PDB file of N, CA and C in Angstrom:
ATOM      1  N   MET A   1       0.292-102.347 -70.748  1.00  0.00           N
ATOM      2  CA  MET A   1       1.421-101.159 -70.530  1.00  0.00           C
ATOM      3  C   MET A   1      -0.006-100.077 -69.923  1.00  0.00           C
ATOM      4  N   ASP A   2      -0.414 -99.895 -70.481  1.00  0.00           N
ATOM      5  CA  ASP A   2      -1.546 -98.483 -70.027  1.00  0.00           C
ATOM      6  C   ASP A   2      -1.906 -98.032 -68.958  1.00  0.00           C
ATOM      7  N   THR A   3      -2.019 -99.456 -68.247  1.00  0.00           N
ATOM      8  CA  THR A   3      -1.795 -99.923 -66.803  1.00  0.00           C
ATOM      9  C   THR A   3      -0.680 -99.173 -66.175  1.00  0.00           C
ATOM     10  N   VAL A   4       0.458 -98.794 -66.740  1.00  0.00           N
ATOM     11  CA  VAL A   4       2.180 -99.071 -65.585  1.00  0.00           C
ATOM     12  C   VAL A   4       2.040 -97.519 -66.142  1.00  0.00           C
ATOM     13  N   SER A   5       2.043 -96.870 -67.197  1.00  0.00           N
ATOM     14  CA  SER A   5       2.117 -95.467 -67.545  1.00  0.00           C
ATOM     15  C   SER A   5       1.141 -94.715 -67.034  1.00  0.00           C
ATOM     16  N   ILE A   6      -0.596 -95.316 -65.999  1.00  0.00           N
ATOM     17  CA  ILE A   6      -1.312 -94.534 -65.672  1.00  0.00           C
ATOM     18  C   ILE A   6      -0.437 -94.318 -64.310  1.00  0.00           C
ATOM     19  N   VAL A   7      -0.073 -95.623 -63.470  1.00  0.00           N
ATOM     20  CA  VAL A   7       0.204 -95.589 -62.828  1.00  0.00           C
ATOM     21  C   VAL A   7       1.924 -94.790 -62.358  1.00  0.00           C
ATOM     22  N   VAL A   8       2.553 -94.563 -62.995  1.00  0.00           N
ATOM     23  CA  VAL A   8       3.648 -93.543 -63.102  1.00  0.00           C
ATOM     24  C   VAL A   8       2.804 -92.030 -63.398  1.00  0.00           C
ATOM     25  N   GLU A   9       1.676 -92.040 -63.547  1.00  0.00           N
ATOM     26  CA  GLU A   9       1.500 -90.846 -63.680  1.00  0.00           C
ATOM     27  C   GLU A   9       1.250 -90.185 -62.523  1.00  0.00           C
ATOM     28  N   VAL A  10      -0.135 -91.251 -62.404  1.00  0.00           N
ATOM     29  CA  VAL A  10      -0.057 -91.001 -61.088  1.00  0.00           C
ATOM     30  C   VAL A  10       0.851 -90.734 -59.821  1.00  0.00           C
ATOM     31  N   VAL A  11       2.217 -91.090 -59.832  1.00  0.00           N
ATOM     32  CA  VAL A  11       2.697 -91.179 -58.711  1.00  0.00           C
ATOM     33  C   VAL A  11       3.235 -89.993 -59.081  1.00  0.00           C
ATOM     34  N   VAL A  12       3.674 -89.168 -59.989  1.00  0.00           N
ATOM     35  CA  VAL A  12       4.144 -87.997 -60.549  1.00  0.00           C
ATOM     36  C   VAL A  12       3.635 -87.223 -60.116  1.00  0.00           C
ATOM     37  N   VAL A  13       2.179 -86.953 -60.487  1.00  0.00           N
ATOM     38  CA  VAL A  13       1.195 -86.121 -59.630  1.00  0.00           C
ATOM     39  C   VAL A  13       1.092 -86.511 -58.178  1.00  0.00           C
ATOM     40  N   VAL A  14       1.463 -87.621 -57.356  1.00  0.00           N
ATOM     41  CA  VAL A  14       1.181 -87.324 -56.182  1.00  0.00           C
ATOM     42  C   VAL A  14       2.844 -86.975 -55.485  1.00  0.00           C
ATOM     43  N   LEU A  15       4.279 -86.828 -55.686  1.00  0.00           N
ATOM     44  CA  LEU A  15       5.052 -86.666 -55.759  1.00  0.00           C
ATOM     45  C   LEU A  15       5.662 -85.176 -55.735  1.00  0.00           C
ATOM     46  N   VAL A  16       5.000 -84.847 -56.663  1.00  0.00           N
ATOM     47  CA  VAL A  16       4.620 -83.022 -56.971  1.00  0.00           C
ATOM     48  C   VAL A  16       3.972 -82.659 -56.142  1.00  0.00           C
ATOM     49  N   VAL A  17       2.678 -83.286 -55.592  1.00  0.00           N
ATOM     50  CA  VAL A  17       1.629 -82.965 -54.599  1.00  0.00           C
ATOM     51  C   VAL A  17       2.988 -82.679 -53.234  1.00  0.00           C
ATOM     52  N   VAL A  18       2.977 -84.080 -52.588  1.00  0.00           N
ATOM     53  CA  VAL A  18       3.727 -84.272 -51.536  1.00  0.00           C
ATOM     54  C   VAL A  18       5.193 -83.236 -51.873  1.00  0.00           C
ATOM     55  N   VAL A  19       5.408 -83.079 -52.458  1.00  0.00           N
ATOM     56  CA  VAL A  19       6.958 -81.798 -52.344  1.00  0.00           C
ATOM     57  C   VAL A  19       6.362 -80.739 -52.462  1.00  0.00           C
ATOM     58  N   VAL A  20       5.788 -80.523 -52.891  1.00  0.00           N
ATOM     59  CA  VAL A  20       4.936 -78.813 -51.832  1.00  0.00           C
ATOM     60  C   VAL A  20       4.771 -79.137 -50.894  1.00  0.00           C
ATOM     61  N   GLN A  21       4.130 -79.842 -50.222  1.00  0.00           N
ATOM     62  CA  GLN A  21       3.703 -79.955 -48.817  1.00  0.00           C
ATOM     63  C   GLN A  21       4.809 -79.865 -47.783  1.00  0.00           C
ATOM     64  N   GLY A  22       6.182 -81.004 -47.871  1.00  0.00           N
ATOM     65  CA  GLY A  22       6.746 -81.055 -47.549  1.00  0.00           C
ATOM     66  C   GLY A  22       6.934 -82.217 -46.884  1.00  0.00           C
ATOM     67  N   GLU A  23       6.098 -83.201 -47.116  1.00  0.00           N
ATOM     68  CA  GLU A  23       6.423 -84.444 -46.342  1.00  0.00           C
ATOM     69  C   GLU A  23       6.892 -85.869 -47.446  1.00  0.00           C
ATOM     70  N   LEU A  24       7.852 -85.146 -47.903  1.00  0.00           N
ATOM     71  CA  LEU A  24       8.071 -86.364 -48.589  1.00  0.00           C
ATOM     72  C   LEU A  24       8.604 -88.042 -48.553  1.00  0.00           C
ATOM     73  N   VAL A  25       8.608 -87.970 -47.433  1.00  0.00           N
ATOM     74  CA  VAL A  25       9.874 -89.268 -47.227  1.00  0.00           C
ATOM     75  C   VAL A  25       7.922 -90.003 -47.150  1.00  0.00           C
ATOM     76  N   VAL A  26       7.197 -90.038 -45.995  1.00  0.00           N
ATOM     77  CA  VAL A  26       6.083 -91.351 -45.510  1.00  0.00           C
ATOM     78  C   VAL A  26       5.022 -91.965 -47.200  1.00  0.00           C
ATOM     79  N   VAL A  27       4.795 -90.501 -47.625  1.00  0.00           N
ATOM     80  CA  VAL A  27       4.159 -90.169 -48.492  1.00  0.00           C
ATOM     81  C   VAL A  27       5.538 -91.354 -49.374  1.00  0.00           C
ATOM     82  N   ALA A  28       6.022 -90.743 -49.860  1.00  0.00           N
ATOM     83  CA  ALA A  28       7.399 -91.926 -50.817  1.00  0.00           C
ATOM     84  C   ALA A  28       7.296 -92.421 -51.216  1.00  0.00           C
ATOM     85  N   VAL A  29       7.659 -93.369 -49.621  1.00  0.00           N
ATOM     86  CA  VAL A  29       7.415 -95.058 -49.322  1.00  0.00           C
ATOM     87  C   VAL A  29       6.140 -95.738 -49.444  1.00  0.00           C
ATOM     88  N   VAL A  30       4.791 -94.954 -49.535  1.00  0.00           N
ATOM     89  CA  VAL A  30       3.673 -95.658 -49.695  1.00  0.00           C
ATOM     90  C   VAL A  30       2.957 -95.751 -50.875  1.00  0.00           C
ATOM     91  N   VAL A  31       3.500 -94.689 -51.892  1.00  0.00           N
ATOM     92  CA  VAL A  31       3.354 -94.696 -53.087  1.00  0.00           C
ATOM     93  C   VAL A  31       4.508 -95.716 -53.321  1.00  0.00           C
ATOM     94  N   VAL A  32       6.069 -95.799 -53.115  1.00  0.00           N
ATOM     95  CA  VAL A  32       6.730 -97.144 -53.802  1.00  0.00           C
ATOM     96  C   VAL A  32       6.149 -98.765 -53.652  1.00  0.00           C
ATOM     97  N   VAL A  33       5.375 -98.470 -52.237  1.00  0.00           N
ATOM     98  CA  VAL A  33       5.409 -99.641 -51.708  1.00  0.00           C
ATOM     99  C   VAL A  33       3.957-100.094 -52.677  1.00  0.00           C
ATOM    100  N   VAL A  34       3.297 -98.930 -53.206  1.00  0.00           N
ATOM    101  CA  VAL A  34       1.340 -98.889 -54.143  1.00  0.00           C
ATOM    102  C   VAL A  34       2.007-100.188 -55.300  1.00  0.00           C
ATOM    103  N   VAL A  35       3.035 -98.722 -55.894  1.00  0.00           N
ATOM    104  CA  VAL A  35       3.651 -99.218 -57.352  1.00  0.00           C
ATOM    105  C   VAL A  35       4.114-100.871 -57.462  1.00  0.00           C
ATOM    106  N   VAL A  36       4.372-101.317 -56.878  1.00  0.00           N
ATOM    107  CA  VAL A  36       5.652-102.262 -56.433  1.00  0.00           C
ATOM    108  C   VAL A  36       4.569-103.209 -56.502  1.00  0.00           C
ATOM    109  N   LEU A  37       3.464-103.093 -55.605  1.00  0.00           N
ATOM    110  CA  LEU A  37       2.608-104.135 -55.375  1.00  0.00           C
ATOM    111  C   LEU A  37       1.253-104.618 -56.702  1.00  0.00           C
ATOM    112  N   VAL A  38       0.953-103.444 -57.595  1.00  0.00           N
ATOM    113  CA  VAL A  38       0.264-103.186 -58.911  1.00  0.00           C
ATOM    114  C   VAL A  38       0.602-103.851 -60.220  1.00  0.00           C
ATOM    115  N   LEU A  39       1.990-103.633 -59.492  1.00  0.00           N
ATOM    116  CA  LEU A  39       3.351-104.356 -60.915  1.00  0.00           C
ATOM    117  C   LEU A  39       3.391-105.824 -60.685  1.00  0.00           C
ATOM    118  N   VAL A  40       3.912-105.109 -59.182  1.00  0.00           N
ATOM    119  CA  VAL A  40       3.485-107.595 -58.962  1.00  0.00           C
ATOM    120  C   VAL A  40       2.655-108.296 -59.371  1.00  0.00           C
ATOM    121  N   VAL A  41       0.665-107.515 -59.006  1.00  0.00           N
ATOM    122  CA  VAL A  41      -0.053-108.308 -59.139  1.00  0.00           C
ATOM    123  C   VAL A  41      -0.372-107.857 -60.721  1.00  0.00           C
ATOM    124  N   VAL A  42      -0.025-107.226 -61.783  1.00  0.00           N
ATOM    125  CA  VAL A  42      -0.147-106.986 -63.425  1.00  0.00           C
ATOM    126  C   VAL A  42       1.025-108.165 -64.484  1.00  0.00           C
ATOM    127  N   VAL A  43       1.791-108.157 -62.919  1.00  0.00           N
ATOM    128  CA  VAL A  43       3.014-109.428 -64.070  1.00  0.00           C
ATOM    129  C   VAL A  43       2.760-110.408 -63.380  1.00  0.00           C
ATOM    130  N   VAL A  44       2.166-110.612 -62.201  1.00  0.00           N
ATOM    131  CA  VAL A  44       1.574-112.235 -62.014  1.00  0.00           C
ATOM    132  C   VAL A  44      -0.027-112.766 -62.695  1.00  0.00           C
ATOM    133  N   VAL A  45      -0.572-111.371 -63.233  1.00  0.00           N
ATOM    134  CA  VAL A  45      -1.491-111.901 -64.399  1.00  0.00           C
ATOM    135  C   VAL A  45      -1.543-112.107 -65.515  1.00  0.00           C
ATOM    136  N   VAL A  46       0.337-111.364 -65.884  1.00  0.00           N
ATOM    137  CA  VAL A  46       0.643-111.560 -67.265  1.00  0.00           C
ATOM    138  C   VAL A  46       1.037-112.915 -67.256  1.00  0.00           C
ATOM    139  N   VAL A  47       1.061-114.084 -66.249  1.00  0.00           N
ATOM    140  CA  VAL A  47       2.176-114.909 -65.965  1.00  0.00           C
ATOM    141  C   VAL A  47       1.114-116.250 -66.436  1.00  0.00           C
ATOM    142  N   VAL A  48      -0.239-115.756 -66.078  1.00  0.00           N
ATOM    143  CA  VAL A  48      -1.107-116.763 -65.610  1.00  0.00           C
ATOM    144  C   VAL A  48      -2.318-116.632 -67.543  1.00  0.00           C
ATOM    145  N   VAL A  49      -1.730-115.457 -67.414  1.00  0.00           N
ATOM    146  CA  VAL A  49      -2.263-115.827 -68.731  1.00  0.00           C
ATOM    147  C   VAL A  49      -1.682-116.433 -69.695  1.00  0.00           C
ATOM    148  N   VAL A  50      -0.779-116.297 -69.847  1.00  0.00           N
ATOM    149  CA  VAL A  50       0.465-116.607 -71.091  1.00  0.00           C
ATOM    150  C   VAL A  50       0.306-118.240 -70.504  1.00  0.00           C
ATOM    151  N   VAL A  51       0.509-119.068 -69.317  1.00  0.00           N
ATOM    152  CA  VAL A  51       0.503-120.266 -69.222  1.00  0.00           C
ATOM    153  C   VAL A  51      -0.735-120.738 -69.062  1.00  0.00           C
ATOM    154  N   VAL A  52      -2.266-119.521 -69.114  1.00  0.00           N
ATOM    155  CA  VAL A  52      -3.507-120.876 -69.926  1.00  0.00           C
ATOM    156  C   VAL A  52      -3.236-120.647 -71.000  1.00  0.00           C
ATOM    157  N   VAL A  53      -3.029-119.950 -71.630  1.00  0.00           N
ATOM    158  CA  VAL A  53      -2.840-119.636 -73.392  1.00  0.00           C
ATOM    159  C   VAL A  53      -1.477-120.271 -73.603  1.00  0.00           C
ATOM    160  N   VAL A  54      -0.328-121.740 -72.319  1.00  0.00           N
ATOM    161  CA  VAL A  54       0.494-122.132 -73.604  1.00  0.00           C
ATOM    162  C   VAL A  54      -0.671-124.214 -73.306  1.00  0.00           C
ATOM    163  N   VAL A  55      -0.709-123.616 -72.534  1.00  0.00           N
ATOM    164  CA  VAL A  55      -1.961-125.119 -71.828  1.00  0.00           C
ATOM    165  C   VAL A  55      -2.535-125.328 -72.564  1.00  0.00           C
ATOM    166  N   VAL A  56      -3.545-123.534 -73.406  1.00  0.00           N
ATOM    167  CA  VAL A  56      -4.884-124.598 -74.711  1.00  0.00           C
ATOM    168  C   VAL A  56      -4.314-124.581 -75.745  1.00  0.00           C
ATOM    169  N   VAL A  57      -2.910-124.440 -75.882  1.00  0.00           N
ATOM    170  CA  VAL A  57      -2.260-124.213 -76.633  1.00  0.00           C
ATOM    171  C   VAL A  57      -2.215-125.729 -77.241  1.00  0.00           C
ATOM    172  N   VAL A  58      -1.716-126.582 -76.199  1.00  0.00           N
ATOM    173  CA  VAL A  58      -1.057-128.033 -76.423  1.00  0.00           C
ATOM    174  C   VAL A  58      -2.428-128.871 -76.080  1.00  0.00           C
ATOM    175  N   GLU A  59      -3.335-128.403 -75.390  1.00  0.00           N
ATOM    176  CA  GLU A  59      -3.864-129.678 -75.219  1.00  0.00           C
ATOM    177  C   GLU A  59      -4.966-129.287 -77.015  1.00  0.00           C
ATOM    178  N   VAL A  60      -5.429-128.095 -77.769  1.00  0.00           N
ATOM    179  CA  VAL A  60      -5.768-128.327 -79.120  1.00  0.00           C
ATOM    180  C   VAL A  60      -4.475-129.105 -80.109  1.00  0.00           C
ATOM    181  N   VAL A  61      -3.426-128.682 -79.768  1.00  0.00           N
ATOM    182  CA  VAL A  61      -2.116-129.848 -80.642  1.00  0.00           C
ATOM    183  C   VAL A  61      -2.597-131.205 -79.975  1.00  0.00           C
ATOM    184  N   VAL A  62      -2.638-131.584 -79.181  1.00  0.00           N
ATOM    185  CA  VAL A  62      -2.366-132.859 -78.165  1.00  0.00           C
ATOM    186  C   VAL A  62      -3.984-133.442 -79.477  1.00  0.00           C
ATOM    187  N   VAL A  63      -5.525-132.463 -79.538  1.00  0.00           N
ATOM    188  CA  VAL A  63      -6.225-133.027 -80.440  1.00  0.00           C
ATOM    189  C   VAL A  63      -6.057-132.908 -81.295  1.00  0.00           C
ATOM    190  N   VAL A  64      -5.982-132.013 -82.035  1.00  0.00           N
ATOM    191  CA  VAL A  64      -5.375-132.227 -83.577  1.00  0.00           C
ATOM    192  C   VAL A  64      -4.424-133.268 -84.369  1.00  0.00           C
ATOM    193  N   VAL A  65      -3.568-133.813 -82.912  1.00  0.00           N
ATOM    194  CA  VAL A  65      -2.661-134.407 -83.484  1.00  0.00           C
ATOM    195  C   VAL A  65      -3.382-136.250 -83.782  1.00  0.00           C
ATOM    196  N   LYS A  66      -4.199-136.301 -82.473  1.00  0.00           N
ATOM    197  CA  LYS A  66      -4.796-137.159 -81.653  1.00  0.00           C
ATOM    198  C   LYS A  66      -5.777-137.468 -83.379  1.00  0.00           C
ATOM    199  N   VAL A  67      -6.044-136.981 -83.973  1.00  0.00           N
ATOM    200  CA  VAL A  67      -7.926-136.636 -85.057  1.00  0.00           C
ATOM    201  C   VAL A  67      -6.937-137.192 -86.284  1.00  0.00           C
ATOM    202  N   VAL A  68      -5.543-136.217 -86.602  1.00  0.00           N
ATOM    203  CA  VAL A  68      -4.653-136.515 -87.756  1.00  0.00           C
ATOM    204  C   VAL A  68      -4.539-138.129 -87.733  1.00  0.00           C
ATOM    205  N   VAL A  69      -3.889-139.078 -86.310  1.00  0.00           N
ATOM    206  CA  VAL A  69      -3.651-140.459 -86.272  1.00  0.00           C
ATOM    207  C   VAL A  69      -4.724-141.054 -86.617  1.00  0.00           C
ATOM    208  N   VAL A  70      -6.374-140.240 -86.243  1.00  0.00           N
ATOM    209  CA  VAL A  70      -7.090-141.228 -86.585  1.00  0.00           C
ATOM    210  C   VAL A  70      -7.441-141.704 -88.273  1.00  0.00           C
ATOM    211  N   VAL A  71      -6.947-140.672 -88.333  1.00  0.00           N
ATOM    212  CA  VAL A  71      -7.383-139.599 -90.094  1.00  0.00           C
ATOM    213  C   VAL A  71      -6.453-141.436 -90.974  1.00  0.00           C
ATOM    214  N   VAL A  72      -5.745-140.815 -90.482  1.00  0.00           N
ATOM    215  CA  VAL A  72      -4.227-141.404 -91.274  1.00  0.00           C
ATOM    216  C   VAL A  72      -4.115-143.309 -90.682  1.00  0.00           C
TER     217      VAL A  72
END
């Protein structure tokens, strides 16, 4: 969430500067596109991490079950 809050702060600062300069539309579109791309990257990274963790947990459970079956 730190990354998202930093991005939001940067966007707010950029929008304030742009409003002062009067070129709102173009820069706002660019900023929105950049923010969306950053959020997509963050979501993809989170999904990949979750998938990796799930796969590792499943592998560990399978190994533990095999060991328990062998021991029993």
